[in-house]
């Protein structure tokens, strides 16, 4: 269980776990983890409504995700040993570790794309690539189906839930360079400058100052790799990279229209 929006905690319990930690930038996640390590249970209710504002532009969403990527890995680095040693079930430990390590998927996705080209260029690895692609495709389909099932249970149509999955991917994928940079800083213990997620009037000024330099360079590098494997005739690798590039038209189209 995680501490987040609309979270209430008694003063006695807060003092027992040491209060809020000022050393980590995700203080609510840090607090939730210490409650977990202390053996407390966090109750979740669906019949309570909390008003809050979420990022509604790419600029503010990117700043939020950079902070979360840094903070999650910072906390995992700090408490990994404590999680392994605590008196919780193996499933609970794995669940928390997986949650805190979720942003590492961006790093490994990029690393695999680079290694894929090297393997095909310097070794006969087509069979290995086929198996890895099949595994990735299976996970992708399962994730999509689970997301759609959750959306349908909340009253969305299957098509609407599928559209949301596509939009999330289209907006999140371009920020991979920023997420990797934030995680590398967390892994090396470097300080991370951040500010509160822009909301309200600040969102408009953020968009005017926004640059897509790193996103564009990332897509150009990905396009170069895709063209290389297509020319070489590597079918599976071509499909892999083209699927990742499929988010580019949507992202730039929405940006030019002022929708992100």
C-alpha atoms as a PDB file:
ATOM      1  CA  UNK A   1       0.000   0.000   0.000  1.00  0.00           C
ATOM      2  CA  UNK A   2       1.159   3.516  -0.785  1.00  0.00           C
ATOM      3  CA  UNK A   3       0.576   6.873   0.831  1.00  0.00           C
ATOM      4  CA  UNK A   4      -0.684   9.392  -1.701  1.00  0.00           C
ATOM      5  CA  UNK A   5      -3.488  11.860  -2.447  1.00  0.00           C
ATOM      6  CA  UNK A   6      -6.104  12.127   0.304  1.00  0.00           C
ATOM      7  CA  UNK A   7      -3.860  10.293   2.747  1.00  0.00           C
ATOM      8  CA  UNK A   8      -4.634  10.591   6.460  1.00  0.00           C
ATOM      9  CA  UNK A   9      -2.315   9.452   9.239  1.00  0.00           C
ATOM     10  CA  UNK A  10      -2.482   9.853  12.996  1.00  0.00           C
ATOM     11  CA  UNK A  11       0.173  11.904  14.714  1.00  0.00           C
ATOM     12  CA  UNK A  12       1.161   8.964  16.915  1.00  0.00           C
ATOM     13  CA  UNK A  13       1.823   6.702  13.937  1.00  0.00           C
ATOM     14  CA  UNK A  14       3.670   9.470  12.087  1.00  0.00           C
ATOM     15  CA  UNK A  15       5.969  10.003  15.052  1.00  0.00           C
ATOM     16  CA  UNK A  16       6.506   6.244  15.386  1.00  0.00           C
ATOM     17  CA  UNK A  17       7.912   5.974  11.857  1.00  0.00           C
ATOM     18  CA  UNK A  18      10.065   9.091  12.217  1.00  0.00           C
ATOM     19  CA  UNK A  19       7.887  11.727  10.554  1.00  0.00           C
ATOM     20  CA  UNK A  20       8.348  12.985   7.011  1.00  0.00           C
ATOM     21  CA  UNK A  21      11.788  12.470   5.487  1.00  0.00           C
ATOM     22  CA  UNK A  22      13.375  15.629   4.073  1.00  0.00           C
ATOM     23  CA  UNK A  23      16.209  13.730   2.374  1.00  0.00           C
ATOM     24  CA  UNK A  24      14.037  12.230  -0.369  1.00  0.00           C
ATOM     25  CA  UNK A  25      11.961  14.145  -2.911  1.00  0.00           C
ATOM     26  CA  UNK A  26       9.058  11.674  -2.839  1.00  0.00           C
ATOM     27  CA  UNK A  27       8.229  12.148   0.804  1.00  0.00           C
ATOM     28  CA  UNK A  28       4.826  10.440   0.538  1.00  0.00           C
ATOM     29  CA  UNK A  29       6.308   7.292  -1.028  1.00  0.00           C
ATOM     30  CA  UNK A  30       9.113   7.334   1.537  1.00  0.00           C
ATOM     31  CA  UNK A  31       6.554   7.574   4.339  1.00  0.00           C
ATOM     32  CA  UNK A  32       4.442   4.781   2.856  1.00  0.00           C
ATOM     33  CA  UNK A  33       7.489   2.520   2.630  1.00  0.00           C
ATOM     34  CA  UNK A  34       8.461   3.140   6.253  1.00  0.00           C
ATOM     35  CA  UNK A  35       4.900   2.312   7.296  1.00  0.00           C
ATOM     36  CA  UNK A  36       5.263  -0.899   5.295  1.00  0.00           C
ATOM     37  CA  UNK A  37       8.581  -1.747   6.957  1.00  0.00           C
ATOM     38  CA  UNK A  38       7.084  -1.079  10.402  1.00  0.00           C
ATOM     39  CA  UNK A  39       4.233  -3.488   9.745  1.00  0.00           C
ATOM     40  CA  UNK A  40       1.422  -0.950   9.391  1.00  0.00           C
ATOM     41  CA  UNK A  41      -1.450  -1.522   6.992  1.00  0.00           C
ATOM     42  CA  UNK A  42      -2.714   1.277   4.755  1.00  0.00           C
ATOM     43  CA  UNK A  43      -6.428   1.081   4.015  1.00  0.00           C
ATOM     44  CA  UNK A  44      -7.763   2.171   0.635  1.00  0.00           C
ATOM     45  CA  UNK A  45     -11.346   3.320   0.145  1.00  0.00           C
ATOM     46  CA  UNK A  46     -13.145   3.966  -3.144  1.00  0.00           C
ATOM     47  CA  UNK A  47     -16.073   5.875  -1.647  1.00  0.00           C
ATOM     48  CA  UNK A  48     -14.040   8.947  -0.661  1.00  0.00           C
ATOM     49  CA  UNK A  49     -13.439  11.738  -3.183  1.00  0.00           C
ATOM     50  CA  UNK A  50     -10.493  14.120  -3.069  1.00  0.00           C
ATOM     51  CA  UNK A  51     -10.229  17.129  -5.371  1.00  0.00           C
ATOM     52  CA  UNK A  52      -6.819  17.552  -6.933  1.00  0.00           C
ATOM     53  CA  UNK A  53      -5.227  18.882 -10.093  1.00  0.00           C
ATOM     54  CA  UNK A  54      -3.132  16.628 -12.294  1.00  0.00           C
ATOM     55  CA  UNK A  55      -0.680  17.702 -15.029  1.00  0.00           C
ATOM     56  CA  UNK A  56      -2.605  18.650 -18.159  1.00  0.00           C
ATOM     57  CA  UNK A  57       0.328  19.500 -20.446  1.00  0.00           C
ATOM     58  CA  UNK A  58       3.423  17.652 -21.599  1.00  0.00           C
ATOM     59  CA  UNK A  59       5.720  20.195 -19.937  1.00  0.00           C
ATOM     60  CA  UNK A  60       4.203  19.781 -16.477  1.00  0.00           C
ATOM     61  CA  UNK A  61       3.779  16.013 -16.905  1.00  0.00           C
ATOM     62  CA  UNK A  62       7.446  15.690 -17.875  1.00  0.00           C
ATOM     63  CA  UNK A  63       8.607  17.602 -14.806  1.00  0.00           C
ATOM     64  CA  UNK A  64       6.448  15.393 -12.615  1.00  0.00           C
ATOM     65  CA  UNK A  65       7.738  12.165 -14.164  1.00  0.00           C
ATOM     66  CA  UNK A  66      11.377  13.264 -13.929  1.00  0.00           C
ATOM     67  CA  UNK A  67      10.889  13.884 -10.234  1.00  0.00           C
ATOM     68  CA  UNK A  68       9.133  10.551  -9.751  1.00  0.00           C
ATOM     69  CA  UNK A  69      11.802   8.641 -11.696  1.00  0.00           C
ATOM     70  CA  UNK A  70      14.569  10.178  -9.591  1.00  0.00           C
ATOM     71  CA  UNK A  71      12.661   9.823  -6.329  1.00  0.00           C
ATOM     72  CA  UNK A  72      11.600   6.204  -6.859  1.00  0.00           C
ATOM     73  CA  UNK A  73      15.152   5.034  -7.585  1.00  0.00           C
ATOM     74  CA  UNK A  74      16.498   7.196  -4.755  1.00  0.00           C
ATOM     75  CA  UNK A  75      14.163   5.460  -2.302  1.00  0.00           C
ATOM     76  CA  UNK A  76      14.898   1.996  -3.724  1.00  0.00           C
ATOM     77  CA  UNK A  77      18.627   2.645  -3.357  1.00  0.00           C
ATOM     78  CA  UNK A  78      18.127   3.811   0.222  1.00  0.00           C
ATOM     79  CA  UNK A  79      15.784   1.079   1.469  1.00  0.00           C
ATOM     80  CA  UNK A  80      16.540  -1.949  -0.734  1.00  0.00           C
ATOM     81  CA  UNK A  81      18.345  -3.825   2.031  1.00  0.00           C
ATOM     82  CA  UNK A  82      15.653  -2.979   4.580  1.00  0.00           C
ATOM     83  CA  UNK A  83      12.939  -4.272   2.244  1.00  0.00           C
ATOM     84  CA  UNK A  84      14.719  -7.611   1.857  1.00  0.00           C
ATOM     85  CA  UNK A  85      15.189  -7.989   5.623  1.00  0.00           C
ATOM     86  CA  UNK A  86      11.738  -6.859   6.801  1.00  0.00           C
ATOM     87  CA  UNK A  87       9.123  -9.301   8.096  1.00  0.00           C
ATOM     88  CA  UNK A  88       6.832  -9.221   5.107  1.00  0.00           C
ATOM     89  CA  UNK A  89       5.858 -11.911   2.638  1.00  0.00           C
ATOM     90  CA  UNK A  90       7.987 -12.440  -0.444  1.00  0.00           C
ATOM     91  CA  UNK A  91       5.129 -11.292  -2.684  1.00  0.00           C
ATOM     92  CA  UNK A  92       4.750  -8.032  -0.725  1.00  0.00           C
ATOM     93  CA  UNK A  93       8.480  -7.358  -0.958  1.00  0.00           C
ATOM     94  CA  UNK A  94       8.545  -8.035  -4.695  1.00  0.00           C
ATOM     95  CA  UNK A  95       5.501  -5.820  -5.188  1.00  0.00           C
ATOM     96  CA  UNK A  96       7.189  -2.860  -3.508  1.00  0.00           C
ATOM     97  CA  UNK A  97      10.510  -3.403  -5.279  1.00  0.00           C
ATOM     98  CA  UNK A  98       8.720  -3.661  -8.630  1.00  0.00           C
ATOM     99  CA  UNK A  99       6.824  -0.452  -7.950  1.00  0.00           C
ATOM    100  CA  UNK A 100       9.973   1.485  -7.061  1.00  0.00           C
ATOM    101  CA  UNK A 101      11.884   0.027 -10.022  1.00  0.00           C
ATOM    102  CA  UNK A 102       9.153   0.675 -12.598  1.00  0.00           C
ATOM    103  CA  UNK A 103      11.011   3.549 -14.276  1.00  0.00           C
ATOM    104  CA  UNK A 104      13.986   1.293 -14.976  1.00  0.00           C
ATOM    105  CA  UNK A 105      11.918  -0.184 -17.799  1.00  0.00           C
ATOM    106  CA  UNK A 106      12.667   2.989 -19.800  1.00  0.00           C
ATOM    107  CA  UNK A 107      16.394   2.434 -19.397  1.00  0.00           C
ATOM    108  CA  UNK A 108      16.277  -1.269 -20.292  1.00  0.00           C
ATOM    109  CA  UNK A 109      13.996  -0.646 -23.272  1.00  0.00           C
ATOM    110  CA  UNK A 110      16.524   1.783 -24.734  1.00  0.00           C
ATOM    111  CA  UNK A 111      19.462  -0.451 -23.837  1.00  0.00           C
ATOM    112  CA  UNK A 112      17.819  -3.451 -25.480  1.00  0.00           C
ATOM    113  CA  UNK A 113      17.166  -1.478 -28.663  1.00  0.00           C
ATOM    114  CA  UNK A 114      20.866  -0.593 -28.900  1.00  0.00           C
ATOM    115  CA  UNK A 115      22.048  -4.093 -28.005  1.00  0.00           C
ATOM    116  CA  UNK A 116      19.635  -5.542 -30.531  1.00  0.00           C
ATOM    117  CA  UNK A 117      21.361  -3.793 -33.418  1.00  0.00           C
ATOM    118  CA  UNK A 118      24.820  -4.780 -32.130  1.00  0.00           C
ATOM    119  CA  UNK A 119      23.791  -8.429 -31.761  1.00  0.00           C
ATOM    120  CA  UNK A 120      22.420  -8.561 -35.284  1.00  0.00           C
ATOM    121  CA  UNK A 121      25.472  -6.768 -36.673  1.00  0.00           C
ATOM    122  CA  UNK A 122      28.197  -8.803 -35.005  1.00  0.00           C
ATOM    123  CA  UNK A 123      26.590 -12.147 -34.144  1.00  0.00           C
ATOM    124  CA  UNK A 124      24.016 -14.598 -35.412  1.00  0.00           C
ATOM    125  CA  UNK A 125      21.343 -13.800 -32.818  1.00  0.00           C
ATOM    126  CA  UNK A 126      18.153 -13.825 -34.881  1.00  0.00           C
ATOM    127  CA  UNK A 127      16.618 -16.694 -32.883  1.00  0.00           C
ATOM    128  CA  UNK A 128      17.365 -14.976 -29.559  1.00  0.00           C
ATOM    129  CA  UNK A 129      15.880 -11.731 -30.870  1.00  0.00           C
ATOM    130  CA  UNK A 130      12.763 -13.595 -31.985  1.00  0.00           C
ATOM    131  CA  UNK A 131      12.232 -15.033 -28.501  1.00  0.00           C
ATOM    132  CA  UNK A 132      12.832 -11.671 -26.827  1.00  0.00           C
ATOM    133  CA  UNK A 133      10.440  -9.957 -29.209  1.00  0.00           C
ATOM    134  CA  UNK A 134       7.806 -12.628 -28.543  1.00  0.00           C
ATOM    135  CA  UNK A 135       8.252 -12.156 -24.784  1.00  0.00           C
ATOM    136  CA  UNK A 136       7.947  -8.371 -25.089  1.00  0.00           C
ATOM    137  CA  UNK A 137       4.873  -8.683 -27.302  1.00  0.00           C
ATOM    138  CA  UNK A 138       3.246 -11.056 -24.797  1.00  0.00           C
ATOM    139  CA  UNK A 139       3.836  -8.652 -21.906  1.00  0.00           C
ATOM    140  CA  UNK A 140       2.585  -5.729 -24.012  1.00  0.00           C
ATOM    141  CA  UNK A 141      -0.643  -7.542 -24.918  1.00  0.00           C
ATOM    142  CA  UNK A 142      -1.224  -8.680 -21.316  1.00  0.00           C
ATOM    143  CA  UNK A 143      -0.686  -5.146 -19.992  1.00  0.00           C
ATOM    144  CA  UNK A 144      -3.091  -3.725 -22.565  1.00  0.00           C
ATOM    145  CA  UNK A 145      -5.746  -6.326 -21.744  1.00  0.00           C
ATOM    146  CA  UNK A 146      -5.412  -5.745 -17.991  1.00  0.00           C
ATOM    147  CA  UNK A 147      -5.654  -1.986 -18.500  1.00  0.00           C
ATOM    148  CA  UNK A 148      -8.719  -2.379 -20.698  1.00  0.00           C
ATOM    149  CA  UNK A 149     -10.309  -4.722 -18.163  1.00  0.00           C
ATOM    150  CA  UNK A 150      -9.716  -2.174 -15.397  1.00  0.00           C
ATOM    151  CA  UNK A 151     -11.135   0.623 -17.559  1.00  0.00           C
ATOM    152  CA  UNK A 152     -14.236  -1.394 -18.397  1.00  0.00           C
ATOM    153  CA  UNK A 153     -14.767  -2.141 -14.688  1.00  0.00           C
ATOM    154  CA  UNK A 154     -14.775   1.646 -14.120  1.00  0.00           C
ATOM    155  CA  UNK A 155     -17.443   2.234 -16.759  1.00  0.00           C
ATOM    156  CA  UNK A 156     -15.302   2.919 -19.831  1.00  0.00           C
ATOM    157  CA  UNK A 157     -15.921   1.261 -23.172  1.00  0.00           C
ATOM    158  CA  UNK A 158     -13.246  -1.111 -24.498  1.00  0.00           C
ATOM    159  CA  UNK A 159     -12.438   1.329 -27.321  1.00  0.00           C
ATOM    160  CA  UNK A 160     -12.126   4.259 -24.911  1.00  0.00           C
ATOM    161  CA  UNK A 161      -9.801   2.269 -22.634  1.00  0.00           C
ATOM    162  CA  UNK A 162      -7.675   1.269 -25.635  1.00  0.00           C
ATOM    163  CA  UNK A 163      -7.438   4.904 -26.750  1.00  0.00           C
ATOM    164  CA  UNK A 164      -6.238   5.918 -23.289  1.00  0.00           C
ATOM    165  CA  UNK A 165      -3.485   3.267 -23.419  1.00  0.00           C
ATOM    166  CA  UNK A 166      -2.355   4.627 -26.777  1.00  0.00           C
ATOM    167  CA  UNK A 167      -2.375   8.226 -25.593  1.00  0.00           C
ATOM    168  CA  UNK A 168      -0.391   7.398 -22.465  1.00  0.00           C
ATOM    169  CA  UNK A 169       2.240   5.601 -24.559  1.00  0.00           C
ATOM    170  CA  UNK A 170       2.350   8.385 -27.138  1.00  0.00           C
ATOM    171  CA  UNK A 171       2.975  11.076 -24.533  1.00  0.00           C
ATOM    172  CA  UNK A 172       5.223   9.131 -22.150  1.00  0.00           C
ATOM    173  CA  UNK A 173       7.612   7.479 -24.618  1.00  0.00           C
ATOM    174  CA  UNK A 174       9.284  10.719 -25.864  1.00  0.00           C
ATOM    175  CA  UNK A 175      10.399  11.630 -22.339  1.00  0.00           C
ATOM    176  CA  UNK A 176      12.574   8.516 -21.995  1.00  0.00           C
ATOM    177  CA  UNK A 177      15.845  10.539 -22.303  1.00  0.00           C
ATOM    178  CA  UNK A 178      14.751  12.758 -19.403  1.00  0.00           C
ATOM    179  CA  UNK A 179      13.752   9.769 -17.262  1.00  0.00           C
ATOM    180  CA  UNK A 180      17.060   8.010 -17.898  1.00  0.00           C
ATOM    181  CA  UNK A 181      18.983  11.170 -16.989  1.00  0.00           C
ATOM    182  CA  UNK A 182      17.026  11.502 -13.735  1.00  0.00           C
ATOM    183  CA  UNK A 183      17.593   7.839 -12.836  1.00  0.00           C
ATOM    184  CA  UNK A 184      21.322   8.019 -13.517  1.00  0.00           C
ATOM    185  CA  UNK A 185      21.547  10.967 -11.140  1.00  0.00           C
ATOM    186  CA  UNK A 186      19.657   9.007  -8.488  1.00  0.00           C
ATOM    187  CA  UNK A 187      21.826   5.912  -8.978  1.00  0.00           C
ATOM    188  CA  UNK A 188      25.027   7.950  -8.658  1.00  0.00           C
ATOM    189  CA  UNK A 189      23.755   9.940  -5.677  1.00  0.00           C
ATOM    190  CA  UNK A 190      23.862  13.290  -7.470  1.00  0.00           C
ATOM    191  CA  UNK A 191      21.499  16.032  -6.368  1.00  0.00           C
ATOM    192  CA  UNK A 192      18.474  16.648  -8.533  1.00  0.00           C
ATOM    193  CA  UNK A 193      17.067  20.127  -9.001  1.00  0.00           C
ATOM    194  CA  UNK A 194      13.302  20.053  -9.145  1.00  0.00           C
ATOM    195  CA  UNK A 195      10.329  22.281  -8.585  1.00  0.00           C
ATOM    196  CA  UNK A 196       6.692  21.686  -7.815  1.00  0.00           C
ATOM    197  CA  UNK A 197       4.738  20.260 -10.764  1.00  0.00           C
ATOM    198  CA  UNK A 198       3.429  23.305 -12.690  1.00  0.00           C
ATOM    199  CA  UNK A 199      -0.307  23.715 -12.213  1.00  0.00           C
ATOM    200  CA  UNK A 200      -2.821  26.499 -12.667  1.00  0.00           C
ATOM    201  CA  UNK A 201      -1.384  29.605 -14.352  1.00  0.00           C
ATOM    202  CA  UNK A 202       2.166  28.250 -14.232  1.00  0.00           C
ATOM    203  CA  UNK A 203       1.273  25.611 -16.817  1.00  0.00           C
ATOM    204  CA  UNK A 204       0.903  28.186 -19.598  1.00  0.00           C
ATOM    205  CA  UNK A 205       4.298  29.767 -18.988  1.00  0.00           C
ATOM    206  CA  UNK A 206       5.895  26.311 -18.871  1.00  0.00           C
ATOM    207  CA  UNK A 207       4.619  25.455 -22.346  1.00  0.00           C
ATOM    208  CA  UNK A 208       6.009  28.675 -23.828  1.00  0.00           C
ATOM    209  CA  UNK A 209       9.467  27.837 -22.468  1.00  0.00           C
ATOM    210  CA  UNK A 210       9.377  24.159 -23.457  1.00  0.00           C
ATOM    211  CA  UNK A 211      12.017  22.712 -25.765  1.00  0.00           C
ATOM    212  CA  UNK A 212      11.734  19.349 -27.513  1.00  0.00           C
ATOM    213  CA  UNK A 213      15.456  19.092 -28.293  1.00  0.00           C
ATOM    214  CA  UNK A 214      16.129  15.853 -26.411  1.00  0.00           C
ATOM    215  CA  UNK A 215      12.885  14.265 -27.569  1.00  0.00           C
ATOM    216  CA  UNK A 216      13.729  15.078 -31.196  1.00  0.00           C
ATOM    217  CA  UNK A 217      17.315  13.809 -30.904  1.00  0.00           C
ATOM    218  CA  UNK A 218      15.994  10.617 -29.327  1.00  0.00           C
ATOM    219  CA  UNK A 219      13.560  10.036 -32.176  1.00  0.00           C
ATOM    220  CA  UNK A 220      16.258  10.800 -34.768  1.00  0.00           C
ATOM    221  CA  UNK A 221      18.569   8.222 -33.193  1.00  0.00           C
ATOM    222  CA  UNK A 222      15.744   5.693 -33.132  1.00  0.00           C
ATOM    223  CA  UNK A 223      14.920   6.447 -36.772  1.00  0.00           C
ATOM    224  CA  UNK A 224      18.564   5.900 -37.751  1.00  0.00           C
ATOM    225  CA  UNK A 225      18.566   2.501 -36.051  1.00  0.00           C
ATOM    226  CA  UNK A 226      15.261   1.588 -37.693  1.00  0.00           C
ATOM    227  CA  UNK A 227      16.526   2.510 -41.172  1.00  0.00           C
ATOM    228  CA  UNK A 228      19.668   0.473 -40.599  1.00  0.00           C
ATOM    229  CA  UNK A 229      17.840  -2.741 -39.637  1.00  0.00           C
ATOM    230  CA  UNK A 230      15.318  -2.262 -42.460  1.00  0.00           C
ATOM    231  CA  UNK A 231      18.121  -1.926 -45.030  1.00  0.00           C
ATOM    232  CA  UNK A 232      19.816  -5.004 -43.575  1.00  0.00           C
ATOM    233  CA  UNK A 233      16.554  -6.939 -43.829  1.00  0.00           C
ATOM    234  CA  UNK A 234      16.095  -7.743 -40.133  1.00  0.00           C
ATOM    235  CA  UNK A 235      12.318  -8.171 -40.004  1.00  0.00           C
ATOM    236  CA  UNK A 236      11.800  -8.671 -36.259  1.00  0.00           C
ATOM    237  CA  UNK A 237      14.153  -5.851 -35.317  1.00  0.00           C
ATOM    238  CA  UNK A 238      12.435  -3.581 -37.832  1.00  0.00           C
ATOM    239  CA  UNK A 239       9.029  -4.306 -36.291  1.00  0.00           C
ATOM    240  CA  UNK A 240      10.433  -3.698 -32.810  1.00  0.00           C
ATOM    241  CA  UNK A 241      11.839  -0.269 -33.658  1.00  0.00           C
ATOM    242  CA  UNK A 242       8.916   0.802 -35.845  1.00  0.00           C
ATOM    243  CA  UNK A 243       6.517   0.060 -32.990  1.00  0.00           C
ATOM    244  CA  UNK A 244       8.517   2.420 -30.796  1.00  0.00           C
ATOM    245  CA  UNK A 245       8.614   5.072 -33.516  1.00  0.00           C
ATOM    246  CA  UNK A 246       4.842   4.880 -33.952  1.00  0.00           C
ATOM    247  CA  UNK A 247       4.395   7.312 -31.056  1.00  0.00           C
ATOM    248  CA  UNK A 248       6.272  10.116 -32.872  1.00  0.00           C
ATOM    249  CA  UNK A 249       3.534  11.211 -35.343  1.00  0.00           C
ATOM    250  CA  UNK A 250       0.932  11.375 -32.583  1.00  0.00           C
ATOM    251  CA  UNK A 251       3.230  13.247 -30.197  1.00  0.00           C
ATOM    252  CA  UNK A 252       4.283  15.968 -32.651  1.00  0.00           C
ATOM    253  CA  UNK A 253       0.778  16.286 -34.069  1.00  0.00           C
ATOM    254  CA  UNK A 254      -0.654  16.889 -30.598  1.00  0.00           C
ATOM    255  CA  UNK A 255       2.179  19.281 -29.751  1.00  0.00           C
ATOM    256  CA  UNK A 256       1.664  21.387 -32.882  1.00  0.00           C
ATOM    257  CA  UNK A 257      -2.039  21.574 -32.126  1.00  0.00           C
ATOM    258  CA  UNK A 258      -1.282  22.772 -28.604  1.00  0.00           C
ATOM    259  CA  UNK A 259      -2.888  19.713 -27.044  1.00  0.00           C
ATOM    260  CA  UNK A 260       0.154  18.709 -24.993  1.00  0.00           C
END
